[in-house]
Amino acid sequence: MMKRFFDLVTAGLGLIFLTPLFLIIAILIKSNSKGPVFYKQPRVGKGGVLFNLFKFRTMQVGADRATAITVGHRDPRITPIGYYLRKFKLDELPQLINVLVGEMSLVGPRPELEKFVKLYNERQRKVISVKPGITDYASIQFRNENEMLAGKPDPVDYYIKEIMPLKLELNLQYIANQSFLTDLKIIGQTIFLVFFKK
């Protein structure tokens, strides 16, 4: 109950106070490339239920048809303003909407694409027994995931075999030891890494 209350209050206040920033970002996105301001992508939520995850659009329209994984520091599909939105994780802010309606939490395992979740073994599927989150231990440890995938012959295969299992282990550790104080710690680490450790 405390977690949900914290999510509601934080997401609600965040959306109110960030409205001016949202408007500025929307104007920059529309003036920088053709397409919608928001990007919606089906992700797997708690209990395996699909929901639309909101982000500010950072890529050219239709760029995700080839692969949903972004590769390298300067993926050519990313728009000029999209590069900076991703750099400072501002593209993730619309997920406060997902938190407000109860599809996500501020902290929890990052929601995956259905095609990746289908590859989970029985133990790993425990990750979808809780609400997904905007940030988690895996987001912190693999914050430079795009750079890790750069230069790989098959980035998707590398992600599935090398990165995804490690992320899932971190998620399972979080689930086994989750607490309100742990969530506050993860939020603090995320903010520090985004703004002060580049």
N, C-alpha and C. Protein backbone atom coordinates (compact mmCIF):
# COMPACT_ATOMS: atom_id res chain seq x y z
N MET A 1 0.82 -1.21 0.00
CA MET A 1 0.00 0.00 0.00
C MET A 1 0.86 1.26 0.00
N MET A 2 1.96 1.24 0.78
CA MET A 2 2.84 2.40 0.82
C MET A 2 3.47 2.65 -0.54
N LYS A 3 3.85 1.56 -1.22
CA LYS A 3 4.47 1.68 -2.54
C LYS A 3 3.51 2.32 -3.53
N ARG A 4 2.26 1.85 -3.54
CA ARG A 4 1.28 2.40 -4.48
C ARG A 4 0.96 3.85 -4.15
N PHE A 5 0.84 4.17 -2.87
CA PHE A 5 0.58 5.56 -2.46
C PHE A 5 1.72 6.46 -2.91
N PHE A 6 2.95 6.01 -2.71
CA PHE A 6 4.12 6.78 -3.13
C PHE A 6 4.12 6.96 -4.64
N ASP A 7 3.79 5.90 -5.36
CA ASP A 7 3.73 5.98 -6.83
C ASP A 7 2.69 7.01 -7.28
N LEU A 8 1.51 6.95 -6.68
CA LEU A 8 0.43 7.86 -7.06
C LEU A 8 0.79 9.32 -6.81
N VAL A 9 1.29 9.59 -5.61
CA VAL A 9 1.62 10.96 -5.25
C VAL A 9 2.76 11.48 -6.11
N THR A 10 3.82 10.69 -6.25
CA THR A 10 4.99 11.12 -7.02
C THR A 10 4.66 11.31 -8.50
N ALA A 11 3.94 10.36 -9.08
CA ALA A 11 3.59 10.45 -10.49
C ALA A 11 2.64 11.62 -10.74
N GLY A 12 1.66 11.79 -9.86
CA GLY A 12 0.71 12.88 -10.01
C GLY A 12 1.37 14.24 -9.93
N LEU A 13 2.16 14.44 -8.88
CA LEU A 13 2.87 15.72 -8.73
C LEU A 13 3.89 15.92 -9.85
N GLY A 14 4.54 14.83 -10.23
CA GLY A 14 5.53 14.92 -11.30
C GLY A 14 4.91 15.38 -12.61
N LEU A 15 3.77 14.82 -12.96
CA LEU A 15 3.11 15.21 -14.20
C LEU A 15 2.64 16.66 -14.15
N ILE A 16 2.21 17.11 -12.98
CA ILE A 16 1.77 18.50 -12.84
C ILE A 16 2.95 19.46 -13.00
N PHE A 17 4.00 19.23 -12.25
CA PHE A 17 5.13 20.16 -12.26
C PHE A 17 5.98 20.06 -13.53
N LEU A 18 5.91 18.92 -14.20
CA LEU A 18 6.71 18.74 -15.41
C LEU A 18 5.96 19.15 -16.68
N THR A 19 4.72 19.60 -16.53
CA THR A 19 3.93 19.98 -17.70
C THR A 19 4.65 21.01 -18.59
N PRO A 20 5.25 22.08 -18.04
CA PRO A 20 5.98 23.02 -18.90
C PRO A 20 7.13 22.35 -19.67
N LEU A 21 7.85 21.44 -18.99
CA LEU A 21 8.94 20.72 -19.65
C LEU A 21 8.39 19.82 -20.76
N PHE A 22 7.26 19.17 -20.49
CA PHE A 22 6.64 18.31 -21.49
C PHE A 22 6.28 19.12 -22.74
N LEU A 23 5.77 20.32 -22.54
CA LEU A 23 5.38 21.18 -23.67
C LEU A 23 6.61 21.58 -24.50
N ILE A 24 7.69 21.92 -23.81
CA ILE A 24 8.93 22.30 -24.51
C ILE A 24 9.46 21.12 -25.32
N ILE A 25 9.49 19.94 -24.70
CA ILE A 25 9.98 18.75 -25.39
C ILE A 25 9.09 18.42 -26.58
N ALA A 26 7.78 18.58 -26.42
CA ALA A 26 6.85 18.30 -27.52
C ALA A 26 7.12 19.21 -28.71
N ILE A 27 7.36 20.48 -28.43
CA ILE A 27 7.65 21.45 -29.50
C ILE A 27 8.96 21.09 -30.20
N LEU A 28 9.97 20.72 -29.43
CA LEU A 28 11.27 20.35 -30.01
C LEU A 28 11.15 19.10 -30.88
N ILE A 29 10.38 18.12 -30.42
CA ILE A 29 10.21 16.88 -31.19
C ILE A 29 9.50 17.17 -32.51
N LYS A 30 8.43 17.95 -32.45
CA LYS A 30 7.65 18.25 -33.66
C LYS A 30 8.43 19.11 -34.64
N SER A 31 9.29 19.98 -34.14
CA SER A 31 10.06 20.86 -35.02
C SER A 31 11.30 20.16 -35.57
N ASN A 32 11.63 19.02 -34.99
CA ASN A 32 12.87 18.30 -35.34
C ASN A 32 12.64 17.18 -36.34
N SER A 33 11.43 16.61 -36.35
CA SER A 33 11.15 15.50 -37.27
C SER A 33 9.65 15.29 -37.38
N LYS A 34 9.23 14.63 -38.44
CA LYS A 34 7.82 14.35 -38.65
C LYS A 34 7.38 13.17 -37.80
N GLY A 35 6.15 13.27 -37.30
CA GLY A 35 5.63 12.16 -36.50
C GLY A 35 5.03 12.63 -35.20
N PRO A 36 4.47 11.71 -34.43
CA PRO A 36 3.84 12.05 -33.16
C PRO A 36 4.86 12.40 -32.08
N VAL A 37 4.40 13.05 -31.03
CA VAL A 37 5.26 13.41 -29.91
C VAL A 37 5.58 12.17 -29.08
N PHE A 38 4.55 11.35 -28.86
CA PHE A 38 4.72 10.17 -28.02
C PHE A 38 4.92 8.91 -28.86
N TYR A 39 5.67 7.99 -28.29
CA TYR A 39 5.88 6.68 -28.89
C TYR A 39 5.29 5.65 -27.94
N LYS A 40 4.38 4.84 -28.44
CA LYS A 40 3.75 3.80 -27.63
C LYS A 40 4.20 2.43 -28.11
N GLN A 41 4.61 1.59 -27.18
CA GLN A 41 5.09 0.26 -27.54
C GLN A 41 4.50 -0.77 -26.58
N PRO A 42 3.92 -1.85 -27.10
CA PRO A 42 3.37 -2.90 -26.23
C PRO A 42 4.47 -3.56 -25.42
N ARG A 43 4.31 -3.62 -24.12
CA ARG A 43 5.24 -4.30 -23.23
C ARG A 43 4.46 -5.26 -22.32
N VAL A 44 5.19 -6.17 -21.72
CA VAL A 44 4.56 -7.15 -20.84
C VAL A 44 4.57 -6.63 -19.41
N GLY A 45 3.38 -6.56 -18.82
CA GLY A 45 3.25 -6.07 -17.45
C GLY A 45 3.04 -7.20 -16.46
N LYS A 46 2.57 -6.84 -15.29
CA LYS A 46 2.34 -7.82 -14.23
C LYS A 46 1.37 -8.91 -14.68
N GLY A 47 1.74 -10.15 -14.41
CA GLY A 47 0.89 -11.26 -14.78
C GLY A 47 0.88 -11.57 -16.27
N GLY A 48 1.81 -10.97 -17.01
CA GLY A 48 1.88 -11.22 -18.45
C GLY A 48 0.92 -10.39 -19.27
N VAL A 49 0.24 -9.44 -18.64
CA VAL A 49 -0.72 -8.58 -19.35
C VAL A 49 0.02 -7.52 -20.16
N LEU A 50 -0.36 -7.37 -21.43
CA LEU A 50 0.27 -6.36 -22.28
C LEU A 50 -0.31 -4.97 -22.01
N PHE A 51 0.54 -3.97 -22.07
CA PHE A 51 0.09 -2.59 -21.94
C PHE A 51 0.97 -1.72 -22.83
N ASN A 52 0.51 -0.53 -23.14
CA ASN A 52 1.27 0.38 -23.98
C ASN A 52 2.17 1.26 -23.12
N LEU A 53 3.47 1.11 -23.28
CA LEU A 53 4.44 1.91 -22.54
C LEU A 53 4.64 3.23 -23.29
N PHE A 54 4.56 4.34 -22.56
CA PHE A 54 4.70 5.66 -23.17
C PHE A 54 6.14 6.17 -23.07
N LYS A 55 6.60 6.76 -24.17
CA LYS A 55 7.88 7.45 -24.19
C LYS A 55 7.74 8.66 -25.12
N PHE A 56 8.64 9.63 -24.96
CA PHE A 56 8.74 10.65 -25.97
C PHE A 56 9.42 10.02 -27.18
N ARG A 57 8.94 10.30 -28.37
CA ARG A 57 9.52 9.71 -29.56
C ARG A 57 10.93 10.26 -29.80
N THR A 58 11.88 9.36 -29.93
CA THR A 58 13.28 9.78 -30.13
C THR A 58 13.86 9.26 -31.45
N MET A 59 13.05 8.49 -32.19
CA MET A 59 13.53 7.92 -33.45
C MET A 59 12.61 8.35 -34.60
N GLN A 60 13.10 8.18 -35.82
CA GLN A 60 12.27 8.44 -36.98
C GLN A 60 11.09 7.47 -36.98
N VAL A 61 9.96 7.92 -37.49
CA VAL A 61 8.77 7.08 -37.52
C VAL A 61 9.03 5.80 -38.32
N GLY A 62 8.68 4.67 -37.73
CA GLY A 62 8.87 3.39 -38.40
C GLY A 62 10.24 2.79 -38.23
N ALA A 63 11.12 3.47 -37.50
CA ALA A 63 12.50 3.00 -37.35
C ALA A 63 12.60 1.72 -36.54
N ASP A 64 11.56 1.42 -35.75
CA ASP A 64 11.60 0.23 -34.90
C ASP A 64 11.16 -1.05 -35.63
N ARG A 65 10.82 -0.93 -36.90
CA ARG A 65 10.35 -2.10 -37.64
C ARG A 65 11.49 -3.08 -37.90
N ALA A 66 12.68 -2.56 -38.08
CA ALA A 66 13.83 -3.44 -38.34
C ALA A 66 14.23 -4.18 -37.07
N THR A 67 14.43 -3.45 -35.98
CA THR A 67 14.76 -4.04 -34.69
C THR A 67 14.37 -3.06 -33.59
N ALA A 68 13.88 -3.59 -32.48
CA ALA A 68 13.45 -2.73 -31.37
C ALA A 68 14.63 -2.33 -30.49
N ILE A 69 15.79 -2.92 -30.74
CA ILE A 69 16.98 -2.63 -29.93
C ILE A 69 17.77 -1.50 -30.56
N THR A 70 18.12 -0.53 -29.76
CA THR A 70 18.95 0.57 -30.22
C THR A 70 20.42 0.20 -30.05
N VAL A 71 21.21 0.44 -31.09
CA VAL A 71 22.60 0.02 -31.06
C VAL A 71 23.53 1.22 -31.20
N GLY A 72 24.49 1.31 -30.31
CA GLY A 72 25.52 2.34 -30.41
C GLY A 72 25.12 3.67 -29.83
N HIS A 73 26.14 4.49 -29.64
CA HIS A 73 25.97 5.81 -29.05
C HIS A 73 25.20 6.73 -29.98
N ARG A 74 25.35 6.53 -31.30
CA ARG A 74 24.72 7.38 -32.29
C ARG A 74 24.00 6.54 -33.33
N ASP A 75 23.01 5.80 -32.90
CA ASP A 75 22.19 5.03 -33.83
C ASP A 75 21.59 6.01 -34.84
N PRO A 76 21.82 5.78 -36.15
CA PRO A 76 21.35 6.73 -37.16
C PRO A 76 19.84 6.92 -37.21
N ARG A 77 19.10 6.02 -36.60
CA ARG A 77 17.65 6.15 -36.58
C ARG A 77 17.17 7.18 -35.56
N ILE A 78 18.04 7.53 -34.63
CA ILE A 78 17.67 8.48 -33.57
C ILE A 78 17.71 9.91 -34.10
N THR A 79 16.69 10.69 -33.79
CA THR A 79 16.64 12.09 -34.22
C THR A 79 17.64 12.92 -33.42
N PRO A 80 18.02 14.11 -33.93
CA PRO A 80 18.97 14.96 -33.19
C PRO A 80 18.50 15.29 -31.77
N ILE A 81 17.23 15.67 -31.62
CA ILE A 81 16.74 15.98 -30.27
C ILE A 81 16.58 14.69 -29.48
N GLY A 82 16.29 13.60 -30.19
CA GLY A 82 16.13 12.30 -29.53
C GLY A 82 17.39 11.85 -28.82
N TYR A 83 18.54 12.21 -29.40
CA TYR A 83 19.82 11.84 -28.79
C TYR A 83 19.92 12.43 -27.38
N TYR A 84 19.55 13.68 -27.23
CA TYR A 84 19.66 14.34 -25.92
C TYR A 84 18.57 13.88 -24.96
N LEU A 85 17.40 13.60 -25.50
CA LEU A 85 16.34 13.08 -24.64
C LEU A 85 16.76 11.75 -24.04
N ARG A 86 17.40 10.91 -24.85
CA ARG A 86 17.87 9.61 -24.36
C ARG A 86 19.05 9.77 -23.40
N LYS A 87 19.94 10.68 -23.72
CA LYS A 87 21.13 10.88 -22.91
C LYS A 87 20.77 11.21 -21.47
N PHE A 88 19.76 12.05 -21.29
CA PHE A 88 19.35 12.46 -19.94
C PHE A 88 18.07 11.74 -19.49
N LYS A 89 17.71 10.66 -20.20
CA LYS A 89 16.56 9.81 -19.84
C LYS A 89 15.24 10.58 -19.81
N LEU A 90 15.19 11.72 -20.49
CA LEU A 90 13.95 12.51 -20.50
C LEU A 90 12.86 11.81 -21.31
N ASP A 91 13.26 10.93 -22.22
CA ASP A 91 12.27 10.22 -23.03
C ASP A 91 11.42 9.28 -22.19
N GLU A 92 11.92 8.94 -20.99
CA GLU A 92 11.21 8.01 -20.11
C GLU A 92 10.13 8.70 -19.26
N LEU A 93 10.14 10.02 -19.20
CA LEU A 93 9.23 10.74 -18.31
C LEU A 93 7.75 10.45 -18.54
N PRO A 94 7.30 10.26 -19.79
CA PRO A 94 5.87 9.97 -19.98
C PRO A 94 5.41 8.68 -19.31
N GLN A 95 6.34 7.85 -18.88
CA GLN A 95 5.95 6.62 -18.17
C GLN A 95 5.32 6.92 -16.81
N LEU A 96 5.40 8.18 -16.39
CA LEU A 96 4.68 8.59 -15.19
C LEU A 96 3.17 8.39 -15.40
N ILE A 97 2.74 8.47 -16.67
CA ILE A 97 1.33 8.20 -16.99
C ILE A 97 1.02 6.74 -16.70
N ASN A 98 1.93 5.86 -17.12
CA ASN A 98 1.75 4.43 -16.85
C ASN A 98 1.70 4.14 -15.35
N VAL A 99 2.52 4.89 -14.60
CA VAL A 99 2.54 4.72 -13.15
C VAL A 99 1.22 5.20 -12.55
N LEU A 100 0.76 6.35 -13.01
CA LEU A 100 -0.47 6.94 -12.46
C LEU A 100 -1.67 6.02 -12.65
N VAL A 101 -1.76 5.35 -13.81
CA VAL A 101 -2.93 4.50 -14.07
C VAL A 101 -2.75 3.09 -13.50
N GLY A 102 -1.58 2.82 -12.91
CA GLY A 102 -1.38 1.55 -12.23
C GLY A 102 -0.75 0.44 -13.05
N GLU A 103 -0.29 0.76 -14.26
CA GLU A 103 0.34 -0.27 -15.10
C GLU A 103 1.80 -0.50 -14.72
N MET A 104 2.40 0.52 -14.13
CA MET A 104 3.80 0.46 -13.74
C MET A 104 3.98 1.05 -12.35
N SER A 105 5.17 0.87 -11.81
CA SER A 105 5.58 1.49 -10.56
C SER A 105 6.82 2.33 -10.85
N LEU A 106 7.19 3.18 -9.93
CA LEU A 106 8.42 3.96 -10.14
C LEU A 106 9.63 3.03 -10.18
N VAL A 107 9.63 2.03 -9.30
CA VAL A 107 10.74 1.08 -9.23
C VAL A 107 10.22 -0.34 -9.43
N GLY A 108 10.88 -1.08 -10.27
CA GLY A 108 10.50 -2.46 -10.54
C GLY A 108 11.21 -2.92 -11.79
N PRO A 109 11.17 -4.20 -12.09
CA PRO A 109 11.83 -4.71 -13.30
C PRO A 109 11.34 -3.98 -14.55
N ARG A 110 12.26 -3.57 -15.40
CA ARG A 110 11.86 -2.89 -16.62
C ARG A 110 11.00 -3.81 -17.48
N PRO A 111 9.88 -3.33 -18.01
CA PRO A 111 9.01 -4.17 -18.83
C PRO A 111 9.66 -4.51 -20.17
N GLU A 112 9.56 -5.75 -20.56
CA GLU A 112 10.18 -6.23 -21.79
C GLU A 112 9.16 -6.39 -22.92
N LEU A 113 9.69 -6.55 -24.12
CA LEU A 113 8.86 -6.90 -25.27
C LEU A 113 8.39 -8.34 -25.12
N GLU A 114 7.22 -8.62 -25.64
CA GLU A 114 6.64 -9.96 -25.50
C GLU A 114 7.55 -11.03 -26.11
N LYS A 115 8.21 -10.71 -27.21
CA LYS A 115 9.05 -11.72 -27.87
C LYS A 115 10.22 -12.15 -26.99
N PHE A 116 10.67 -11.27 -26.12
CA PHE A 116 11.75 -11.63 -25.20
C PHE A 116 11.22 -12.38 -23.99
N VAL A 117 10.06 -11.97 -23.50
CA VAL A 117 9.46 -12.64 -22.34
C VAL A 117 9.15 -14.10 -22.66
N LYS A 118 8.81 -14.39 -23.89
CA LYS A 118 8.51 -15.76 -24.30
C LYS A 118 9.72 -16.68 -24.16
N LEU A 119 10.91 -16.08 -24.06
CA LEU A 119 12.14 -16.85 -23.93
C LEU A 119 12.50 -17.14 -22.47
N TYR A 120 11.78 -16.54 -21.52
CA TYR A 120 12.07 -16.74 -20.10
C TYR A 120 11.82 -18.20 -19.70
N ASN A 121 12.66 -18.70 -18.79
CA ASN A 121 12.38 -20.01 -18.21
C ASN A 121 11.42 -19.81 -17.03
N GLU A 122 11.03 -20.90 -16.41
CA GLU A 122 10.02 -20.83 -15.34
C GLU A 122 10.48 -19.94 -14.19
N ARG A 123 11.73 -20.04 -13.81
CA ARG A 123 12.26 -19.22 -12.71
C ARG A 123 12.26 -17.75 -13.11
N GLN A 124 12.68 -17.45 -14.32
CA GLN A 124 12.77 -16.06 -14.78
C GLN A 124 11.39 -15.41 -14.90
N ARG A 125 10.36 -16.19 -15.13
CA ARG A 125 9.02 -15.64 -15.29
C ARG A 125 8.48 -15.04 -13.98
N LYS A 126 9.18 -15.29 -12.88
CA LYS A 126 8.78 -14.67 -11.63
C LYS A 126 8.90 -13.15 -11.72
N VAL A 127 9.72 -12.69 -12.65
CA VAL A 127 9.93 -11.24 -12.84
C VAL A 127 8.62 -10.56 -13.21
N ILE A 128 7.73 -11.24 -13.92
CA ILE A 128 6.47 -10.61 -14.31
C ILE A 128 5.36 -10.86 -13.28
N SER A 129 5.76 -11.29 -12.08
CA SER A 129 4.78 -11.46 -11.01
C SER A 129 4.58 -10.15 -10.24
N VAL A 130 5.40 -9.15 -10.56
CA VAL A 130 5.29 -7.82 -9.93
C VAL A 130 5.13 -6.76 -11.01
N LYS A 131 4.70 -5.58 -10.60
CA LYS A 131 4.57 -4.49 -11.56
C LYS A 131 5.94 -4.09 -12.10
N PRO A 132 6.03 -3.83 -13.40
CA PRO A 132 7.29 -3.33 -13.95
C PRO A 132 7.50 -1.89 -13.49
N GLY A 133 8.73 -1.41 -13.62
CA GLY A 133 9.04 -0.07 -13.14
C GLY A 133 9.77 0.79 -14.15
N ILE A 134 9.89 2.06 -13.82
CA ILE A 134 10.64 3.00 -14.66
C ILE A 134 12.13 2.76 -14.51
N THR A 135 12.55 2.40 -13.30
CA THR A 135 13.96 2.14 -13.06
C THR A 135 14.13 0.94 -12.13
N ASP A 136 15.31 0.34 -12.19
CA ASP A 136 15.63 -0.81 -11.34
C ASP A 136 17.14 -0.99 -11.31
N TYR A 137 17.59 -2.03 -10.62
CA TYR A 137 19.04 -2.29 -10.56
C TYR A 137 19.61 -2.52 -11.95
N ALA A 138 18.87 -3.22 -12.81
CA ALA A 138 19.35 -3.53 -14.15
C ALA A 138 19.50 -2.25 -14.98
N SER A 139 18.58 -1.31 -14.81
CA SER A 139 18.67 -0.04 -15.54
C SER A 139 19.93 0.71 -15.16
N ILE A 140 20.31 0.61 -13.89
CA ILE A 140 21.51 1.28 -13.40
C ILE A 140 22.76 0.59 -13.93
N GLN A 141 22.81 -0.73 -13.79
CA GLN A 141 24.01 -1.46 -14.20
C GLN A 141 24.20 -1.45 -15.72
N PHE A 142 23.11 -1.48 -16.46
CA PHE A 142 23.20 -1.52 -17.92
C PHE A 142 22.73 -0.21 -18.55
N ARG A 143 23.07 0.89 -17.91
CA ARG A 143 22.66 2.19 -18.42
C ARG A 143 23.33 2.51 -19.76
N ASN A 144 24.46 1.86 -20.06
CA ASN A 144 25.15 2.07 -21.33
C ASN A 144 24.96 0.87 -22.26
N GLU A 145 23.78 0.26 -22.18
CA GLU A 145 23.50 -0.94 -22.96
C GLU A 145 23.69 -0.73 -24.46
N ASN A 146 23.29 0.45 -24.95
CA ASN A 146 23.42 0.73 -26.38
C ASN A 146 24.86 0.61 -26.84
N GLU A 147 25.78 1.13 -26.01
CA GLU A 147 27.20 1.07 -26.36
C GLU A 147 27.73 -0.36 -26.29
N MET A 148 27.19 -1.15 -25.37
CA MET A 148 27.60 -2.54 -25.24
C MET A 148 27.22 -3.35 -26.48
N LEU A 149 26.11 -2.98 -27.11
CA LEU A 149 25.63 -3.70 -28.28
C LEU A 149 26.30 -3.25 -29.57
N ALA A 150 26.92 -2.08 -29.52
CA ALA A 150 27.56 -1.54 -30.72
C ALA A 150 28.67 -2.46 -31.21
N GLY A 151 28.69 -2.71 -32.51
CA GLY A 151 29.75 -3.51 -33.10
C GLY A 151 29.53 -5.01 -33.03
N LYS A 152 28.45 -5.43 -32.36
CA LYS A 152 28.17 -6.86 -32.28
C LYS A 152 27.57 -7.33 -33.60
N PRO A 153 28.02 -8.49 -34.13
CA PRO A 153 27.48 -9.01 -35.40
C PRO A 153 25.97 -9.18 -35.37
N ASP A 154 25.46 -9.64 -34.24
CA ASP A 154 24.01 -9.83 -34.08
C ASP A 154 23.63 -9.28 -32.71
N PRO A 155 23.30 -7.97 -32.64
CA PRO A 155 22.98 -7.33 -31.36
C PRO A 155 21.84 -7.99 -30.61
N VAL A 156 20.81 -8.42 -31.32
CA VAL A 156 19.65 -9.04 -30.66
C VAL A 156 20.06 -10.36 -30.01
N ASP A 157 20.83 -11.16 -30.73
CA ASP A 157 21.29 -12.44 -30.19
C ASP A 157 22.19 -12.21 -28.97
N TYR A 158 23.06 -11.20 -29.05
CA TYR A 158 23.95 -10.88 -27.92
C TYR A 158 23.12 -10.44 -26.72
N TYR A 159 22.08 -9.64 -26.97
CA TYR A 159 21.23 -9.18 -25.88
C TYR A 159 20.55 -10.37 -25.20
N ILE A 160 20.00 -11.27 -26.00
CA ILE A 160 19.28 -12.42 -25.46
C ILE A 160 20.19 -13.35 -24.65
N LYS A 161 21.38 -13.59 -25.16
CA LYS A 161 22.27 -14.57 -24.54
C LYS A 161 23.16 -14.01 -23.44
N GLU A 162 23.53 -12.74 -23.55
CA GLU A 162 24.50 -12.17 -22.60
C GLU A 162 23.92 -11.16 -21.63
N ILE A 163 23.09 -10.26 -22.12
CA ILE A 163 22.61 -9.17 -21.28
C ILE A 163 21.31 -9.53 -20.55
N MET A 164 20.35 -10.05 -21.27
CA MET A 164 19.05 -10.34 -20.68
C MET A 164 19.12 -11.26 -19.46
N PRO A 165 19.92 -12.34 -19.49
CA PRO A 165 19.99 -13.20 -18.29
C PRO A 165 20.52 -12.47 -17.06
N LEU A 166 21.49 -11.57 -17.26
CA LEU A 166 22.04 -10.80 -16.15
C LEU A 166 21.00 -9.82 -15.60
N LYS A 167 20.25 -9.20 -16.49
CA LYS A 167 19.19 -8.30 -16.07
C LYS A 167 18.15 -9.05 -15.22
N LEU A 168 17.78 -10.22 -15.69
CA LEU A 168 16.77 -11.00 -14.99
C LEU A 168 17.24 -11.43 -13.60
N GLU A 169 18.53 -11.74 -13.47
CA GLU A 169 19.06 -12.09 -12.16
C GLU A 169 18.98 -10.91 -11.20
N LEU A 170 19.29 -9.73 -11.70
CA LEU A 170 19.18 -8.52 -10.87
C LEU A 170 17.72 -8.27 -10.48
N ASN A 171 16.81 -8.51 -11.42
CA ASN A 171 15.39 -8.34 -11.14
C ASN A 171 14.91 -9.31 -10.07
N LEU A 172 15.37 -10.56 -10.16
CA LEU A 172 14.97 -11.57 -9.18
C LEU A 172 15.52 -11.23 -7.80
N GLN A 173 16.72 -10.68 -7.75
CA GLN A 173 17.31 -10.26 -6.48
C GLN A 173 16.48 -9.12 -5.88
N TYR A 174 16.03 -8.18 -6.74
CA TYR A 174 15.21 -7.07 -6.26
C TYR A 174 13.90 -7.59 -5.68
N ILE A 175 13.25 -8.51 -6.39
CA ILE A 175 11.97 -9.05 -5.94
C ILE A 175 12.11 -9.76 -4.59
N ALA A 176 13.21 -10.48 -4.42
CA ALA A 176 13.44 -11.23 -3.19
C ALA A 176 13.71 -10.33 -2.00
N ASN A 177 14.20 -9.12 -2.25
CA ASN A 177 14.60 -8.23 -1.15
C ASN A 177 13.96 -6.85 -1.24
N GLN A 178 12.86 -6.72 -1.95
CA GLN A 178 12.29 -5.40 -2.16
C GLN A 178 11.73 -4.80 -0.87
N SER A 179 11.86 -3.49 -0.79
CA SER A 179 11.33 -2.73 0.34
C SER A 179 11.22 -1.28 -0.09
N PHE A 180 10.52 -0.49 0.69
CA PHE A 180 10.35 0.92 0.37
C PHE A 180 11.70 1.65 0.40
N LEU A 181 12.54 1.30 1.35
CA LEU A 181 13.87 1.93 1.45
C LEU A 181 14.74 1.56 0.25
N THR A 182 14.61 0.32 -0.21
CA THR A 182 15.35 -0.11 -1.40
C THR A 182 14.91 0.70 -2.61
N ASP A 183 13.62 0.92 -2.73
CA ASP A 183 13.10 1.72 -3.84
C ASP A 183 13.66 3.14 -3.81
N LEU A 184 13.68 3.73 -2.63
CA LEU A 184 14.23 5.09 -2.51
C LEU A 184 15.71 5.12 -2.90
N LYS A 185 16.44 4.07 -2.51
CA LYS A 185 17.86 3.97 -2.85
C LYS A 185 18.05 3.89 -4.36
N ILE A 186 17.24 3.08 -5.02
CA ILE A 186 17.35 2.92 -6.48
C ILE A 186 17.00 4.22 -7.19
N ILE A 187 15.97 4.91 -6.72
CA ILE A 187 15.59 6.19 -7.32
C ILE A 187 16.72 7.20 -7.17
N GLY A 188 17.33 7.24 -5.98
CA GLY A 188 18.44 8.15 -5.73
C GLY A 188 19.64 7.84 -6.62
N GLN A 189 19.98 6.57 -6.76
CA GLN A 189 21.10 6.17 -7.62
C GLN A 189 20.83 6.52 -9.07
N THR A 190 19.60 6.33 -9.50
CA THR A 190 19.24 6.63 -10.88
C THR A 190 19.40 8.11 -11.18
N ILE A 191 18.88 8.95 -10.29
CA ILE A 191 18.97 10.41 -10.48
C ILE A 191 20.44 10.84 -10.51
N PHE A 192 21.24 10.29 -9.61
CA PHE A 192 22.66 10.65 -9.55
C PHE A 192 23.37 10.28 -10.84
N LEU A 193 23.13 9.07 -11.34
CA LEU A 193 23.82 8.61 -12.54
C LEU A 193 23.40 9.39 -13.78
N VAL A 194 22.13 9.76 -13.85
CA VAL A 194 21.62 10.48 -15.02
C VAL A 194 22.22 11.88 -15.09
N PHE A 195 22.26 12.57 -13.97
CA PHE A 195 22.65 13.99 -14.00
C PHE A 195 24.09 14.28 -13.55
N PHE A 196 24.71 13.37 -12.82
CA PHE A 196 26.01 13.72 -12.27
C PHE A 196 27.16 12.78 -12.64
N LYS A 197 26.87 11.71 -13.35
CA LYS A 197 27.95 10.78 -13.69
C LYS A 197 27.87 10.42 -15.16
N LYS A 198 28.40 11.31 -15.99
CA LYS A 198 28.40 11.11 -17.43
C LYS A 198 29.80 10.84 -17.91
